[in-house]
N, C-alpha and C. Protein backbone atom coordinates (compact mmCIF):
# COMPACT_ATOMS: atom_id res chain seq x y z
N MET A 1 0.86 -1.17 0.00
CA MET A 1 0.00 0.00 0.00
C MET A 1 0.91 1.23 0.00
N PRO A 2 0.64 2.16 -0.91
CA PRO A 2 1.48 3.37 -0.95
C PRO A 2 1.25 4.26 0.28
N PRO A 3 2.23 5.10 0.60
CA PRO A 3 2.04 6.04 1.71
C PRO A 3 0.87 6.99 1.42
N PHE A 4 0.34 7.59 2.48
CA PHE A 4 -0.82 8.47 2.37
C PHE A 4 -0.60 9.55 1.31
N GLY A 5 0.51 10.26 1.40
CA GLY A 5 0.76 11.36 0.48
C GLY A 5 0.84 10.93 -0.97
N THR A 6 1.45 9.79 -1.20
CA THR A 6 1.56 9.26 -2.55
C THR A 6 0.18 8.93 -3.10
N LEU A 7 -0.66 8.37 -2.27
CA LEU A 7 -2.03 8.05 -2.67
C LEU A 7 -2.80 9.32 -3.06
N ILE A 8 -2.64 10.37 -2.28
CA ILE A 8 -3.31 11.65 -2.56
C ILE A 8 -2.78 12.24 -3.87
N ALA A 9 -1.46 12.25 -4.04
CA ALA A 9 -0.86 12.83 -5.25
C ALA A 9 -1.30 12.06 -6.50
N THR A 10 -1.33 10.76 -6.43
CA THR A 10 -1.73 9.94 -7.58
C THR A 10 -3.18 10.21 -7.96
N ALA A 11 -4.05 10.27 -6.96
CA ALA A 11 -5.47 10.54 -7.23
C ALA A 11 -5.67 11.94 -7.80
N ARG A 12 -4.95 12.91 -7.24
CA ARG A 12 -5.07 14.30 -7.72
C ARG A 12 -4.64 14.40 -9.19
N LYS A 13 -3.53 13.79 -9.50
CA LYS A 13 -3.02 13.84 -10.88
C LYS A 13 -3.97 13.12 -11.84
N ALA A 14 -4.56 12.02 -11.38
CA ALA A 14 -5.50 11.29 -12.22
C ALA A 14 -6.73 12.13 -12.55
N MET A 15 -7.07 13.05 -11.65
CA MET A 15 -8.22 13.94 -11.87
C MET A 15 -7.81 15.23 -12.57
N LEU A 16 -6.53 15.31 -12.95
CA LEU A 16 -6.00 16.46 -13.66
C LEU A 16 -6.17 17.77 -12.88
N LEU A 17 -5.99 17.68 -11.57
CA LEU A 17 -6.06 18.86 -10.70
C LEU A 17 -4.67 19.30 -10.32
N SER A 18 -4.44 20.59 -10.28
CA SER A 18 -3.18 21.10 -9.77
C SER A 18 -3.24 21.08 -8.24
N GLN A 19 -2.08 21.19 -7.63
CA GLN A 19 -2.07 21.28 -6.17
C GLN A 19 -2.81 22.53 -5.72
N LYS A 20 -2.65 23.60 -6.44
CA LYS A 20 -3.33 24.86 -6.08
C LYS A 20 -4.85 24.68 -6.13
N GLU A 21 -5.35 24.01 -7.18
CA GLU A 21 -6.80 23.79 -7.30
C GLU A 21 -7.33 22.94 -6.15
N LEU A 22 -6.64 21.84 -5.88
CA LEU A 22 -7.11 20.96 -4.81
C LEU A 22 -7.02 21.65 -3.45
N ALA A 23 -5.91 22.33 -3.19
CA ALA A 23 -5.75 23.01 -1.90
C ALA A 23 -6.87 24.03 -1.68
N SER A 24 -7.28 24.70 -2.73
CA SER A 24 -8.34 25.72 -2.58
C SER A 24 -9.69 25.11 -2.24
N ARG A 25 -9.85 23.81 -2.46
CA ARG A 25 -11.13 23.13 -2.19
C ARG A 25 -11.17 22.47 -0.81
N ILE A 26 -10.03 22.44 -0.12
CA ILE A 26 -9.94 21.77 1.17
C ILE A 26 -9.83 22.83 2.26
N ASN A 27 -10.83 22.90 3.12
CA ASN A 27 -10.86 23.92 4.16
C ASN A 27 -10.52 23.36 5.53
N LYS A 28 -9.73 24.15 6.26
CA LYS A 28 -9.43 23.83 7.65
C LYS A 28 -10.70 24.05 8.47
N GLU A 29 -10.65 23.70 9.72
CA GLU A 29 -11.83 23.84 10.57
C GLU A 29 -12.26 25.29 10.76
N ASP A 30 -11.35 26.23 10.53
CA ASP A 30 -11.71 27.64 10.64
C ASP A 30 -12.31 28.19 9.34
N GLY A 31 -12.45 27.32 8.34
CA GLY A 31 -13.06 27.72 7.08
C GLY A 31 -12.09 28.22 6.03
N GLN A 32 -10.84 28.39 6.40
CA GLN A 32 -9.82 28.85 5.46
C GLN A 32 -9.25 27.66 4.69
N PRO A 33 -8.96 27.85 3.40
CA PRO A 33 -8.38 26.74 2.64
C PRO A 33 -6.96 26.42 3.11
N ILE A 34 -6.58 25.18 2.94
CA ILE A 34 -5.20 24.81 3.25
C ILE A 34 -4.28 25.45 2.21
N SER A 35 -3.03 25.58 2.54
CA SER A 35 -2.09 26.18 1.59
C SER A 35 -1.60 25.14 0.59
N THR A 36 -1.18 25.64 -0.54
CA THR A 36 -0.61 24.76 -1.56
C THR A 36 0.64 24.08 -1.00
N GLN A 37 1.42 24.82 -0.22
CA GLN A 37 2.64 24.25 0.37
C GLN A 37 2.32 23.12 1.33
N TYR A 38 1.26 23.27 2.11
CA TYR A 38 0.85 22.21 3.03
C TYR A 38 0.46 20.95 2.25
N LEU A 39 -0.31 21.12 1.17
CA LEU A 39 -0.68 19.97 0.34
C LEU A 39 0.57 19.34 -0.28
N ASN A 40 1.49 20.17 -0.75
CA ASN A 40 2.73 19.67 -1.33
C ASN A 40 3.49 18.84 -0.30
N ASP A 41 3.58 19.33 0.92
CA ASP A 41 4.28 18.59 1.98
C ASP A 41 3.59 17.26 2.28
N ILE A 42 2.26 17.25 2.28
CA ILE A 42 1.52 16.00 2.49
C ILE A 42 1.84 15.02 1.37
N GLU A 43 1.73 15.50 0.13
CA GLU A 43 1.95 14.61 -1.03
C GLU A 43 3.37 14.06 -1.08
N ARG A 44 4.31 14.79 -0.56
CA ARG A 44 5.71 14.33 -0.56
C ARG A 44 6.06 13.59 0.74
N ASN A 45 5.02 13.32 1.52
CA ASN A 45 5.17 12.57 2.78
C ASN A 45 6.16 13.26 3.73
N ARG A 46 6.16 14.59 3.71
CA ARG A 46 7.00 15.37 4.62
C ARG A 46 6.27 15.73 5.90
N ARG A 47 4.98 15.50 5.92
CA ARG A 47 4.16 15.77 7.10
C ARG A 47 3.40 14.50 7.46
N ASN A 48 2.97 14.47 8.69
CA ASN A 48 2.07 13.39 9.08
C ASN A 48 0.76 13.59 8.34
N PRO A 49 0.02 12.52 8.11
CA PRO A 49 -1.29 12.69 7.49
C PRO A 49 -2.16 13.66 8.30
N PRO A 50 -3.05 14.35 7.62
CA PRO A 50 -3.89 15.35 8.31
C PRO A 50 -4.98 14.72 9.16
N SER A 51 -5.76 15.58 9.78
CA SER A 51 -6.88 15.16 10.62
C SER A 51 -7.97 14.50 9.78
N GLU A 52 -8.85 13.80 10.46
CA GLU A 52 -9.97 13.16 9.76
C GLU A 52 -10.85 14.22 9.09
N PHE A 53 -10.93 15.40 9.66
CA PHE A 53 -11.69 16.49 9.07
C PHE A 53 -11.19 16.80 7.66
N LEU A 54 -9.88 16.89 7.49
CA LEU A 54 -9.29 17.15 6.18
C LEU A 54 -9.31 15.90 5.30
N ILE A 55 -9.09 14.74 5.91
CA ILE A 55 -9.12 13.50 5.15
C ILE A 55 -10.48 13.31 4.48
N ALA A 56 -11.56 13.63 5.18
CA ALA A 56 -12.91 13.48 4.62
C ALA A 56 -13.07 14.35 3.37
N GLN A 57 -12.56 15.57 3.42
CA GLN A 57 -12.66 16.46 2.26
C GLN A 57 -11.80 15.97 1.10
N LEU A 58 -10.60 15.51 1.42
CA LEU A 58 -9.74 14.96 0.36
C LEU A 58 -10.41 13.76 -0.30
N ALA A 59 -11.03 12.91 0.51
CA ALA A 59 -11.74 11.74 -0.03
C ALA A 59 -12.85 12.18 -0.97
N ASP A 60 -13.63 13.17 -0.57
CA ASP A 60 -14.73 13.67 -1.41
C ASP A 60 -14.21 14.26 -2.71
N GLU A 61 -13.21 15.09 -2.62
CA GLU A 61 -12.69 15.78 -3.81
C GLU A 61 -11.99 14.83 -4.78
N LEU A 62 -11.39 13.79 -4.24
CA LEU A 62 -10.61 12.87 -5.09
C LEU A 62 -11.33 11.55 -5.36
N ALA A 63 -12.59 11.46 -4.97
CA ALA A 63 -13.40 10.25 -5.18
C ALA A 63 -12.71 9.02 -4.59
N LEU A 64 -12.20 9.18 -3.37
CA LEU A 64 -11.58 8.08 -2.65
C LEU A 64 -12.44 7.73 -1.45
N ASP A 65 -12.23 6.55 -0.91
CA ASP A 65 -12.99 6.11 0.25
C ASP A 65 -12.35 6.67 1.53
N LYS A 66 -13.14 7.39 2.31
CA LYS A 66 -12.63 8.03 3.54
C LYS A 66 -12.08 7.00 4.52
N ASP A 67 -12.77 5.90 4.70
CA ASP A 67 -12.32 4.90 5.66
C ASP A 67 -10.97 4.33 5.25
N HIS A 68 -10.81 4.08 3.95
CA HIS A 68 -9.53 3.57 3.45
C HIS A 68 -8.42 4.60 3.68
N LEU A 69 -8.71 5.87 3.38
CA LEU A 69 -7.71 6.91 3.61
C LEU A 69 -7.33 7.01 5.08
N CYS A 70 -8.30 6.88 5.96
CA CYS A 70 -7.99 6.92 7.40
C CYS A 70 -7.04 5.78 7.77
N LEU A 71 -7.31 4.60 7.26
CA LEU A 71 -6.45 3.46 7.57
C LEU A 71 -5.04 3.67 7.02
N VAL A 72 -4.93 4.18 5.80
CA VAL A 72 -3.62 4.47 5.22
C VAL A 72 -2.90 5.53 6.05
N ALA A 73 -3.67 6.46 6.60
CA ALA A 73 -3.11 7.52 7.45
C ALA A 73 -2.71 7.00 8.83
N GLY A 74 -3.08 5.77 9.13
CA GLY A 74 -2.72 5.18 10.41
C GLY A 74 -3.67 5.52 11.54
N THR A 75 -4.92 5.78 11.19
CA THR A 75 -5.91 6.12 12.20
C THR A 75 -7.20 5.39 11.91
N LEU A 76 -8.10 5.42 12.86
CA LEU A 76 -9.43 4.85 12.67
C LEU A 76 -10.44 5.99 12.58
N PRO A 77 -11.46 5.85 11.74
CA PRO A 77 -12.51 6.88 11.71
C PRO A 77 -13.14 7.03 13.10
N ARG A 78 -13.47 8.28 13.45
CA ARG A 78 -14.03 8.58 14.79
C ARG A 78 -15.24 7.73 15.13
N ASP A 79 -16.12 7.52 14.16
CA ASP A 79 -17.32 6.74 14.47
C ASP A 79 -16.97 5.31 14.85
N LEU A 80 -15.94 4.77 14.22
CA LEU A 80 -15.50 3.41 14.54
C LEU A 80 -14.86 3.37 15.93
N VAL A 81 -14.09 4.38 16.26
CA VAL A 81 -13.49 4.46 17.60
C VAL A 81 -14.60 4.47 18.66
N GLY A 82 -15.67 5.21 18.38
CA GLY A 82 -16.80 5.24 19.32
C GLY A 82 -17.44 3.88 19.48
N LEU A 83 -17.64 3.19 18.37
CA LEU A 83 -18.24 1.85 18.44
C LEU A 83 -17.34 0.89 19.22
N ILE A 84 -16.05 0.97 18.96
CA ILE A 84 -15.10 0.08 19.63
C ILE A 84 -15.09 0.34 21.13
N SER A 85 -15.12 1.61 21.51
CA SER A 85 -15.04 1.94 22.93
C SER A 85 -16.28 1.48 23.70
N GLU A 86 -17.40 1.34 23.01
CA GLU A 86 -18.63 0.91 23.67
C GLU A 86 -18.85 -0.60 23.61
N ALA A 87 -18.08 -1.29 22.79
CA ALA A 87 -18.29 -2.73 22.59
C ALA A 87 -17.55 -3.56 23.64
N GLU A 88 -18.01 -4.76 23.79
CA GLU A 88 -17.33 -5.72 24.66
C GLU A 88 -16.00 -6.10 24.03
N PRO A 89 -14.96 -6.30 24.83
CA PRO A 89 -13.65 -6.68 24.28
C PRO A 89 -13.70 -7.91 23.38
N ALA A 90 -14.50 -8.91 23.74
CA ALA A 90 -14.60 -10.12 22.92
C ALA A 90 -15.20 -9.80 21.55
N THR A 91 -16.15 -8.89 21.50
CA THR A 91 -16.76 -8.49 20.23
C THR A 91 -15.74 -7.79 19.35
N VAL A 92 -14.94 -6.92 19.94
CA VAL A 92 -13.89 -6.23 19.18
C VAL A 92 -12.88 -7.23 18.65
N SER A 93 -12.46 -8.16 19.49
CA SER A 93 -11.50 -9.18 19.06
C SER A 93 -12.05 -10.01 17.91
N ASN A 94 -13.32 -10.40 18.00
CA ASN A 94 -13.93 -11.18 16.92
C ASN A 94 -14.00 -10.37 15.63
N ALA A 95 -14.33 -9.10 15.74
CA ALA A 95 -14.41 -8.24 14.55
C ALA A 95 -13.05 -8.11 13.90
N ILE A 96 -12.01 -7.94 14.68
CA ILE A 96 -10.66 -7.82 14.13
C ILE A 96 -10.24 -9.12 13.47
N ARG A 97 -10.56 -10.22 14.10
CA ARG A 97 -10.24 -11.53 13.53
C ARG A 97 -10.94 -11.72 12.17
N LEU A 98 -12.22 -11.37 12.11
CA LEU A 98 -12.96 -11.47 10.85
C LEU A 98 -12.38 -10.54 9.78
N PHE A 99 -12.01 -9.33 10.19
CA PHE A 99 -11.39 -8.38 9.27
C PHE A 99 -10.10 -8.96 8.69
N ARG A 100 -9.26 -9.50 9.54
CA ARG A 100 -8.00 -10.09 9.07
C ARG A 100 -8.25 -11.22 8.08
N ARG A 101 -9.20 -12.09 8.40
CA ARG A 101 -9.52 -13.19 7.48
C ARG A 101 -9.97 -12.67 6.12
N LYS A 102 -10.82 -11.67 6.13
CA LYS A 102 -11.33 -11.10 4.89
C LYS A 102 -10.21 -10.48 4.06
N ILE A 103 -9.32 -9.76 4.70
CA ILE A 103 -8.21 -9.12 4.00
C ILE A 103 -7.22 -10.15 3.48
N GLU A 104 -6.95 -11.18 4.23
CA GLU A 104 -5.98 -12.21 3.84
C GLU A 104 -6.47 -13.01 2.64
N ARG A 105 -7.76 -13.10 2.42
CA ARG A 105 -8.31 -13.88 1.30
C ARG A 105 -8.12 -13.20 -0.04
N LYS A 106 -7.90 -11.90 -0.04
CA LYS A 106 -7.80 -11.16 -1.30
C LYS A 106 -6.44 -11.28 -1.91
């Protein structure tokens, strides 16, 4: 699996978007767009992957799956973290075991 930034750069290029165009479409929580330099640093894997808030927008703009991007970024989607924290440990273990089996079959 490619690093997060490489995945973003590949998808952006496939959509024929410049870094400037994509950066202008991704807003921080304060409503301001991210900088082109910040996107460049992400794509070159010079920064840690961004927050789920930004990941969700990148997924929408690049027609990528948010959950997959979160996993590539090394995090779990917030809703899944909530479900895990409320579940019984045995249920979580079983879910992880099933997930591993499903992934290993491909």
